[in-house]
Amino acid sequence: MAVAPAAPAAFGGGVGHRSDFDVIVVGAGIMGSCAAHAAASRGARALLLERFDLLHHLGSSHGASRTIRDAYPKAQYRPMVRLARRLWADAEAESGYRVLTPAPQLSMGPRSNAALMAAVESSGAEDVDLARRWGGAIRAPEAGAGWVTAVSEHGGGVLNATKAVAMFQALAVKKGSVVRDNAEVVDITARNGGGVAVRTSAGDEFRAAKCVVTVGAWTSKLVRSVAGVELPIQPLHTMVLYWRAKPGRERDLTAESGFPTFSSYGDPHVYSTPSLELPGLIKINYDGGPKCDPDGRDWADGGGDVADRVARWIEEFMPDHVDAAAGPVVRQPCMYSMTPDKDFVIDFLGGEFGPDVVVGAGFSGHGFKMGPAVGSILAEMAMYGEARTAAEAGIELGHFRINRFDGNPMGNAKDN
């Protein structure tokens, strides 16, 4: 059953302020901003609460580039990526500006890597001769050496992350959502007769029929505090690395010239976006980082010798186009929120909250591209329930349930 919009209520500040909403979304990163927009688009009166300033750089949704690709090893994500592509386009059309720059997607690595081969197959990628493509900027062992280099011409691209979050927040407000930053949620309680009360550190209390929790690396802390539930979501601290193009090679590596996003499977698992946001620099990064406490990070630590390992990769695969000897020119901190199986958590919190609190978390370094799809799913689940959501989205949600970890710390990866 759809949630009936609540009667309009005055919104203001001050300790002890109370107000009624249909859906409260806690956390205004990409997932929460998309969820607030999706809820408001479905007629709900939505409140979006953010602990820090809007568009802050303390979590996982900031920066100027994220990849989007249809080359996905796990089948459960392919329909979600397709849905997200449509929703990205819809949001761009509604906002009147662009956040996605199309680009080919190159997948490469040892043919023995099952994840790589599944990604190539899922995207319909075709073998490419790197010596003849992109000015020979990328080298790789010959196919006869057991390597595959395959490119998907469609379905890939670069998302401007911070701009995308701002877009969905603006669209949410346009649809009637209330957005409030510097509002740290410290408690969520179930109300007698249904619904929830959400309290902030400033003493404000808001009531709603439903609540969606999308607080990224802070999820385990908040869920443990309000429900006593332990979610195996481990924050990782990572550094986003930008490297200088060699003189005369700057244009070769740009999105404008058709340079691809790419993933190089192996150790380290390296990924890249074309030179776009910082002229003359290209993002070539590693997948992962050391464990961290999101409230007490070592901002200078990016995983020991990872930058050196990426530099060695550059020297092997892109020696003529990228200067690795001087090290990365820019290092930007970010966080992953990792589940043991690298699958998302999209589920009702349950217990005393029943179906009134939905959690979206554990996006494990690959969720941003699917933000609009995840946001729609979370809003649909809160407002209409799981059965309708799965049918409407065409996405099987069983892989994302919390109970997959019951007596099974590896979740969906238990058989691997």
Protein backbone atom coordinates (compact mmCIF):
# COMPACT_ATOMS: atom_id res chain seq x y z
CA MET A 1 0.00 0.00 0.00
CA ALA A 2 1.31 3.45 -0.81
CA VAL A 3 2.09 5.77 2.02
CA ALA A 4 -0.47 8.58 2.11
CA PRO A 5 1.17 12.00 2.16
CA ALA A 6 1.01 13.62 5.56
CA ALA A 7 -0.77 16.89 6.10
CA PRO A 8 1.56 19.84 5.60
CA ALA A 9 3.40 20.88 8.72
CA ALA A 10 5.49 23.93 9.48
CA PHE A 11 9.25 23.37 9.30
CA GLY A 12 11.59 25.34 11.50
CA GLY A 13 14.55 25.09 13.78
CA GLY A 14 15.13 25.03 17.48
CA VAL A 15 15.66 22.38 20.11
CA GLY A 16 12.64 20.17 20.55
CA HIS A 17 11.14 21.03 17.16
CA ARG A 18 8.71 18.36 15.93
CA SER A 19 7.35 17.72 12.48
CA ASP A 20 5.61 14.97 10.55
CA PHE A 21 6.80 13.43 7.28
CA ASP A 22 6.00 10.37 5.22
CA VAL A 23 9.62 9.32 4.74
CA ILE A 24 12.75 10.45 6.57
CA VAL A 25 16.02 9.69 4.81
CA VAL A 26 19.09 9.72 7.05
CA GLY A 27 22.31 10.44 5.16
CA ALA A 28 22.59 12.74 2.12
CA GLY A 29 25.26 11.04 0.03
CA ILE A 30 24.33 9.74 -3.41
CA MET A 31 22.07 6.95 -2.11
CA GLY A 32 20.17 9.11 0.35
CA SER A 33 19.81 12.02 -2.06
CA CYS A 34 18.46 9.68 -4.74
CA ALA A 35 16.11 8.05 -2.21
CA ALA A 36 14.71 11.42 -1.11
CA HIS A 37 14.15 12.40 -4.74
CA ALA A 38 12.51 9.06 -5.51
CA ALA A 39 10.20 9.28 -2.48
CA ALA A 40 9.16 12.84 -3.29
CA SER A 41 8.61 11.89 -6.93
CA ARG A 42 6.13 9.27 -5.70
CA GLY A 43 4.14 11.81 -3.72
CA ALA A 44 5.70 11.37 -0.30
CA ARG A 45 6.60 14.28 1.93
CA ALA A 46 10.27 13.55 2.46
CA LEU A 47 12.89 14.87 4.87
CA LEU A 48 16.58 14.38 4.07
CA LEU A 49 18.93 14.73 7.05
CA GLU A 50 22.71 15.06 6.73
CA ARG A 51 25.13 14.87 9.65
CA PHE A 52 27.73 17.16 8.05
CA ASP A 53 27.57 20.05 5.60
CA LEU A 54 25.94 19.18 2.31
CA LEU A 55 28.42 17.99 -0.32
CA HIS A 56 31.11 17.40 2.28
CA HIS A 57 34.31 15.43 1.58
CA LEU A 58 34.22 13.17 4.64
CA GLY A 59 32.41 10.15 3.22
CA SER A 60 32.14 8.26 -0.06
CA SER A 61 30.09 10.45 -2.42
CA HIS A 62 32.44 13.34 -3.16
CA GLY A 63 34.93 14.03 -5.92
CA ALA A 64 34.70 14.70 -9.62
CA SER A 65 34.69 11.23 -11.16
CA ARG A 66 33.14 7.81 -10.76
CA THR A 67 32.91 5.18 -13.46
CA ILE A 68 29.70 3.72 -14.78
CA ARG A 69 29.96 0.53 -16.80
CA ASP A 70 27.85 -2.39 -17.92
CA ALA A 71 30.82 -4.79 -17.71
CA TYR A 72 29.76 -6.49 -14.47
CA PRO A 73 30.89 -9.93 -13.24
CA LYS A 74 27.85 -10.53 -10.98
CA ALA A 75 24.55 -11.06 -12.74
CA GLN A 76 22.48 -9.44 -9.98
CA TYR A 77 23.93 -6.01 -10.78
CA ARG A 78 23.36 -5.94 -14.52
CA PRO A 79 19.65 -5.01 -14.40
CA MET A 80 20.44 -2.48 -11.67
CA VAL A 81 23.05 -0.78 -13.86
CA ARG A 82 20.62 -0.70 -16.80
CA LEU A 83 17.93 0.86 -14.61
CA ALA A 84 20.45 3.36 -13.24
CA ARG A 85 21.46 4.43 -16.77
CA ARG A 86 17.85 5.28 -17.58
CA LEU A 87 17.41 7.15 -14.31
CA TRP A 88 20.65 9.12 -14.76
CA ALA A 89 19.37 10.23 -18.15
CA ASP A 90 15.96 11.15 -16.71
CA ALA A 91 17.56 13.23 -13.94
CA GLU A 92 19.83 15.03 -16.40
CA ALA A 93 16.81 15.84 -18.56
CA GLU A 94 14.88 17.10 -15.55
CA SER A 95 17.76 19.21 -14.22
CA GLY A 96 18.85 20.56 -17.59
CA TYR A 97 22.54 19.77 -17.20
CA ARG A 98 24.90 16.85 -17.60
CA VAL A 99 26.71 14.83 -14.95
CA LEU A 100 27.64 11.81 -17.11
CA THR A 101 30.33 11.88 -19.79
CA PRO A 102 30.12 8.77 -22.02
CA ALA A 103 33.31 6.79 -22.61
CA PRO A 104 34.26 3.31 -23.83
CA GLN A 105 35.02 0.73 -21.13
CA LEU A 106 38.16 -1.39 -21.42
CA SER A 107 38.42 -4.59 -19.37
CA MET A 108 41.73 -6.40 -19.31
CA GLY A 109 43.69 -8.98 -17.39
CA PRO A 110 44.56 -12.67 -17.31
CA ARG A 111 42.11 -14.85 -19.21
CA SER A 112 42.12 -17.17 -16.20
CA ASN A 113 40.37 -14.49 -14.11
CA ALA A 114 36.75 -15.64 -13.88
CA ALA A 115 35.44 -12.23 -12.78
CA LEU A 116 37.07 -10.54 -15.76
CA MET A 117 35.64 -13.04 -18.23
CA ALA A 118 32.16 -12.71 -16.72
CA ALA A 119 32.41 -8.91 -17.01
CA VAL A 120 33.50 -9.13 -20.65
CA GLU A 121 30.65 -11.50 -21.48
CA SER A 122 28.03 -9.42 -19.67
CA SER A 123 28.86 -6.29 -21.63
CA GLY A 124 29.32 -7.91 -25.02
CA ALA A 125 32.84 -6.44 -25.08
CA GLU A 126 34.98 -7.24 -28.09
CA ASP A 127 38.71 -7.87 -28.32
CA VAL A 128 40.73 -4.77 -29.09
CA ASP A 129 44.26 -4.36 -30.39
CA LEU A 130 45.78 -1.93 -27.91
CA ALA A 131 48.69 -1.17 -30.21
CA ARG A 132 46.24 0.36 -32.67
CA ARG A 133 43.82 2.00 -30.22
CA TRP A 134 44.20 5.21 -28.21
CA GLY A 135 47.59 5.95 -29.72
CA GLY A 136 49.08 2.86 -28.08
CA ALA A 137 48.75 4.53 -24.68
CA ILE A 138 48.05 1.19 -22.98
CA ARG A 139 50.25 -1.85 -23.36
CA ALA A 140 49.39 -5.40 -22.37
CA PRO A 141 50.76 -8.88 -22.95
CA GLU A 142 49.72 -10.49 -26.22
CA ALA A 143 46.54 -12.56 -26.25
CA GLY A 144 48.69 -15.62 -26.75
CA ALA A 145 50.23 -14.94 -23.34
CA GLY A 146 46.88 -15.62 -21.71
CA TRP A 147 45.63 -12.04 -21.58
CA VAL A 148 42.37 -10.55 -22.73
CA THR A 149 41.80 -6.91 -23.67
CA ALA A 150 38.16 -6.21 -24.52
CA VAL A 151 36.27 -2.98 -25.00
CA SER A 152 32.60 -2.15 -24.68
CA GLU A 153 31.79 0.89 -26.80
CA HIS A 154 28.51 1.64 -25.03
CA GLY A 155 27.35 1.63 -21.41
CA GLY A 156 30.51 3.16 -19.96
CA GLY A 157 31.29 6.65 -18.80
CA VAL A 158 32.36 9.05 -16.07
CA LEU A 159 30.02 10.54 -13.48
CA ASN A 160 30.81 13.83 -11.76
CA ALA A 161 30.13 12.64 -8.23
CA THR A 162 29.66 15.84 -6.22
CA LYS A 163 27.72 17.48 -9.03
CA ALA A 164 25.48 14.40 -9.26
CA VAL A 165 24.70 14.47 -5.54
CA ALA A 166 23.87 18.17 -5.77
CA MET A 167 21.63 17.47 -8.76
CA PHE A 168 19.54 14.91 -6.92
CA GLN A 169 19.30 17.11 -3.83
CA ALA A 170 18.07 20.01 -5.95
CA LEU A 171 15.57 17.78 -7.73
CA ALA A 172 14.37 16.41 -4.39
CA VAL A 173 13.72 19.96 -3.13
CA LYS A 174 11.96 20.79 -6.41
CA LYS A 175 9.65 17.84 -5.74
CA GLY A 176 8.88 19.09 -2.24
CA SER A 177 11.52 17.43 -0.06
CA VAL A 178 13.00 19.24 2.92
CA VAL A 179 16.80 19.01 3.12
CA ARG A 180 18.63 19.79 6.35
CA ASP A 181 22.37 19.52 6.96
CA ASN A 182 24.42 19.60 10.17
CA ALA A 183 21.72 17.37 11.65
CA GLU A 184 23.37 14.29 13.18
CA VAL A 185 20.85 11.53 13.86
CA VAL A 186 21.55 9.93 17.24
CA ASP A 187 18.41 7.86 17.73
CA ILE A 188 15.62 6.19 15.77
CA THR A 189 12.76 4.69 17.76
CA ALA A 190 9.66 2.76 16.82
CA ARG A 191 6.43 4.55 17.71
CA ASN A 192 3.41 2.86 19.21
CA GLY A 193 0.96 2.19 16.41
CA GLY A 194 3.65 2.28 13.71
CA GLY A 195 6.09 4.72 12.27
CA VAL A 196 9.31 6.08 13.68
CA ALA A 197 10.69 9.02 15.61
CA VAL A 198 14.09 10.33 14.57
CA ARG A 199 16.10 12.45 17.01
CA THR A 200 19.17 14.58 16.27
CA SER A 201 22.07 15.61 18.48
CA ALA A 202 20.57 19.11 18.62
CA GLY A 203 17.43 17.74 20.28
CA ASP A 204 15.15 18.00 17.25
CA GLU A 205 12.69 15.17 16.82
CA PHE A 206 10.95 14.29 13.58
CA ARG A 207 8.22 11.72 13.08
CA ALA A 208 7.46 9.76 9.95
CA ALA A 209 5.70 6.67 8.71
CA LYS A 210 8.96 5.31 7.28
CA CYS A 211 12.70 5.84 7.57
CA VAL A 212 15.52 5.07 5.14
CA VAL A 213 19.07 4.81 6.54
CA THR A 214 21.88 5.60 4.07
CA VAL A 215 24.80 6.75 6.21
CA GLY A 216 27.62 4.94 4.40
CA ALA A 217 30.64 4.19 6.55
CA TRP A 218 28.70 5.14 9.69
CA THR A 219 26.01 2.48 9.11
CA SER A 220 27.30 -0.16 11.52
CA LYS A 221 27.64 2.39 14.32
CA LEU A 222 24.15 3.83 13.87
CA VAL A 223 22.36 0.52 13.39
CA ARG A 224 24.14 -0.97 16.41
CA SER A 225 23.16 2.06 18.49
CA VAL A 226 19.48 2.19 17.56
CA ALA A 227 18.67 -1.49 17.06
CA GLY A 228 21.47 -3.56 18.59
CA VAL A 229 22.00 -5.20 15.21
CA GLU A 230 25.54 -5.98 14.07
CA LEU A 231 26.05 -5.41 10.36
CA PRO A 232 29.36 -6.69 8.92
CA ILE A 233 30.18 -3.49 7.08
CA GLN A 234 33.82 -2.49 7.37
CA PRO A 235 34.90 1.04 6.35
CA LEU A 236 38.14 1.23 4.38
CA HIS A 237 40.23 4.35 3.92
CA THR A 238 41.45 4.80 0.38
CA MET A 239 43.35 7.43 -1.56
CA VAL A 240 42.24 8.54 -5.03
CA LEU A 241 45.42 9.02 -7.06
CA TYR A 242 46.01 11.41 -9.97
CA TRP A 243 49.12 11.12 -12.15
CA ARG A 244 50.68 13.57 -14.59
CA ALA A 245 50.49 12.85 -18.31
CA LYS A 246 53.86 13.04 -20.02
CA PRO A 247 54.50 16.19 -22.07
CA GLY A 248 52.75 16.03 -25.42
CA ARG A 249 50.52 13.14 -24.32
CA GLU A 250 47.93 15.15 -22.41
CA ARG A 251 45.25 15.16 -25.11
CA ASP A 252 45.67 11.45 -25.86
CA LEU A 253 44.32 10.60 -22.42
CA THR A 254 41.25 12.84 -22.42
CA ALA A 255 37.60 11.88 -22.54
CA GLU A 256 37.27 14.32 -25.43
CA SER A 257 39.68 12.22 -27.50
CA GLY A 258 37.79 9.01 -26.69
CA PHE A 259 40.12 7.56 -24.06
CA PRO A 260 38.31 4.86 -22.05
CA THR A 261 37.55 4.09 -18.49
CA PHE A 262 39.31 0.83 -17.72
CA SER A 263 39.69 -1.96 -15.22
CA SER A 264 42.84 -4.02 -15.01
CA TYR A 265 42.16 -7.23 -13.12
CA GLY A 266 45.00 -8.64 -11.07
CA ASP A 267 47.19 -7.57 -8.16
CA PRO A 268 46.77 -4.68 -7.74
CA HIS A 269 43.30 -4.33 -9.26
CA VAL A 270 43.70 -0.99 -11.03
CA TYR A 271 40.98 1.18 -12.50
CA SER A 272 41.03 4.51 -14.30
CA THR A 273 38.96 7.30 -15.77
CA PRO A 274 40.05 9.48 -18.69
CA SER A 275 41.72 12.81 -18.03
CA LEU A 276 38.73 15.06 -17.43
CA GLU A 277 38.44 16.97 -14.17
CA LEU A 278 42.09 17.99 -13.74
CA PRO A 279 43.71 18.97 -17.06
CA GLY A 280 46.97 17.15 -17.69
CA LEU A 281 46.27 14.62 -14.93
CA ILE A 282 44.67 11.18 -15.13
CA LYS A 283 43.13 9.18 -12.31
CA ILE A 284 44.71 5.73 -12.07
CA ASN A 285 43.72 4.11 -8.83
CA TYR A 286 43.70 0.89 -6.88
CA ASP A 287 40.72 -0.99 -5.47
CA GLY A 288 40.78 -1.11 -1.66
CA GLY A 289 42.54 0.32 1.35
CA PRO A 290 43.21 -0.25 5.06
CA LYS A 291 40.44 -0.63 7.64
CA CYS A 292 39.44 2.59 9.36
CA ASP A 293 37.15 4.25 11.84
CA PRO A 294 35.20 6.92 9.93
CA ASP A 295 35.40 9.19 12.99
CA GLY A 296 39.15 8.77 13.46
CA ARG A 297 40.94 8.34 10.17
CA ASP A 298 44.63 8.78 9.47
CA TRP A 299 44.17 11.16 6.55
CA ALA A 300 47.69 10.56 5.25
CA ASP A 301 47.43 6.76 5.14
CA GLY A 302 46.35 5.25 1.87
CA GLY A 303 47.38 1.64 2.30
CA GLY A 304 51.14 1.55 2.73
CA ASP A 305 52.94 0.97 -0.56
CA VAL A 306 49.85 1.06 -2.76
CA ALA A 307 50.95 4.19 -4.64
CA ASP A 308 54.26 2.46 -5.40
CA ARG A 309 52.40 -0.60 -6.67
CA VAL A 310 50.22 1.52 -8.93
CA ALA A 311 53.36 3.31 -10.15
CA ARG A 312 54.89 -0.06 -11.08
CA TRP A 313 51.68 -0.91 -12.95
CA ILE A 314 51.89 2.37 -14.86
CA GLU A 315 55.52 1.74 -15.72
CA GLU A 316 54.55 -1.64 -17.17
CA PHE A 317 51.32 -0.73 -18.96
CA MET A 318 51.44 3.03 -19.74
CA PRO A 319 55.13 4.00 -19.69
CA ASP A 320 55.03 6.33 -22.70
CA HIS A 321 52.02 8.36 -21.60
CA VAL A 322 52.02 8.67 -17.81
CA ASP A 323 54.79 9.85 -15.49
CA ALA A 324 54.97 7.39 -12.60
CA ALA A 325 58.48 8.25 -11.41
CA ALA A 326 57.38 11.40 -9.59
CA GLY A 327 54.51 9.62 -7.87
CA PRO A 328 50.90 10.76 -7.80
CA VAL A 329 50.42 14.53 -8.10
CA VAL A 330 47.14 14.55 -6.15
CA ARG A 331 45.87 12.25 -3.40
CA GLN A 332 42.24 12.62 -2.34
CA PRO A 333 40.91 10.64 0.65
CA CYS A 334 37.75 8.62 0.31
CA MET A 335 36.09 5.62 1.96
CA TYR A 336 34.68 2.26 0.94
CA SER A 337 32.04 0.53 3.06
CA MET A 338 32.79 -3.14 2.53
CA THR A 339 30.67 -6.21 3.16
CA PRO A 340 32.48 -9.57 3.29
CA ASP A 341 30.97 -10.61 -0.05
CA LYS A 342 31.17 -7.13 -1.64
CA ASP A 343 27.40 -7.20 -2.17
CA PHE A 344 25.09 -4.40 -1.08
CA VAL A 345 22.80 -4.39 1.94
CA ILE A 346 19.28 -3.37 0.90
CA ASP A 347 16.76 -4.62 3.42
CA PHE A 348 14.29 -3.85 6.17
CA LEU A 349 15.93 -3.49 9.55
CA GLY A 350 13.21 -5.65 11.10
CA GLY A 351 12.88 -6.37 14.82
CA GLU A 352 10.85 -3.73 16.62
CA PHE A 353 10.99 -1.57 13.48
CA GLY A 354 9.36 -4.18 11.24
CA PRO A 355 9.05 -2.76 7.72
CA ASP A 356 9.27 0.86 8.88
CA VAL A 357 13.06 1.23 8.58
CA VAL A 358 14.95 0.34 5.40
CA VAL A 359 18.76 0.16 5.29
CA GLY A 360 20.86 0.81 2.19
CA ALA A 361 24.55 0.25 2.90
CA GLY A 362 27.74 -1.67 2.20
CA PHE A 363 28.17 -0.47 -1.36
CA SER A 364 31.72 -1.80 -1.34
CA GLY A 365 33.37 0.65 -3.70
CA HIS A 366 31.11 -0.04 -6.67
CA GLY A 367 27.73 1.42 -5.76
CA PHE A 368 27.84 5.07 -6.87
CA LYS A 369 26.98 4.33 -10.48
CA MET A 370 23.79 2.58 -9.31
CA GLY A 371 22.72 5.41 -6.99
CA PRO A 372 19.49 6.37 -8.78
CA ALA A 373 18.42 2.72 -9.02
CA VAL A 374 19.26 2.02 -5.36
CA GLY A 375 17.51 5.20 -4.27
CA SER A 376 14.38 4.21 -6.17
CA ILE A 377 14.45 0.73 -4.67
CA LEU A 378 14.85 2.07 -1.13
CA ALA A 379 12.00 4.54 -1.58
CA GLU A 380 9.77 1.89 -3.13
CA MET A 381 10.52 -0.56 -0.33
CA ALA A 382 9.71 2.02 2.33
CA MET A 383 6.50 3.13 0.66
CA TYR A 384 5.17 -0.04 -0.97
CA GLY A 385 7.04 -3.09 0.33
CA GLU A 386 9.55 -5.50 -1.19
CA ALA A 387 7.25 -7.52 -3.46
CA ARG A 388 6.04 -4.53 -5.47
CA THR A 389 9.56 -3.06 -5.50
CA ALA A 390 11.14 -6.17 -7.03
CA ALA A 391 8.38 -6.39 -9.62
CA GLU A 392 8.55 -2.71 -10.55
CA ALA A 393 12.34 -2.57 -10.72
CA GLY A 394 12.79 -5.97 -12.30
CA ILE A 395 15.56 -6.68 -9.79
CA GLU A 396 15.86 -9.72 -7.53
CA LEU A 397 16.56 -8.42 -4.03
CA GLY A 398 17.39 -11.67 -2.24
CA HIS A 399 21.13 -11.17 -2.65
CA PHE A 400 21.00 -8.00 -0.60
CA ARG A 401 19.23 -9.20 2.57
CA ILE A 402 20.79 -8.79 5.99
CA ASN A 403 20.02 -12.37 7.03
CA ARG A 404 22.51 -13.75 4.52
CA PHE A 405 25.09 -13.23 7.25
CA ASP A 406 23.19 -15.23 9.90
CA GLY A 407 25.63 -17.95 10.96
CA ASN A 408 27.54 -17.24 7.77
CA PRO A 409 30.10 -14.46 8.05
CA MET A 410 30.94 -14.55 4.33
CA GLY A 411 27.37 -14.02 3.13
CA ASN A 412 26.97 -14.65 -0.59
CA ALA A 413 30.66 -15.51 -0.88
CA LYS A 414 30.31 -18.61 1.31
CA ASP A 415 30.87 -20.97 -1.61
CA ASN A 416 33.92 -19.17 -3.01
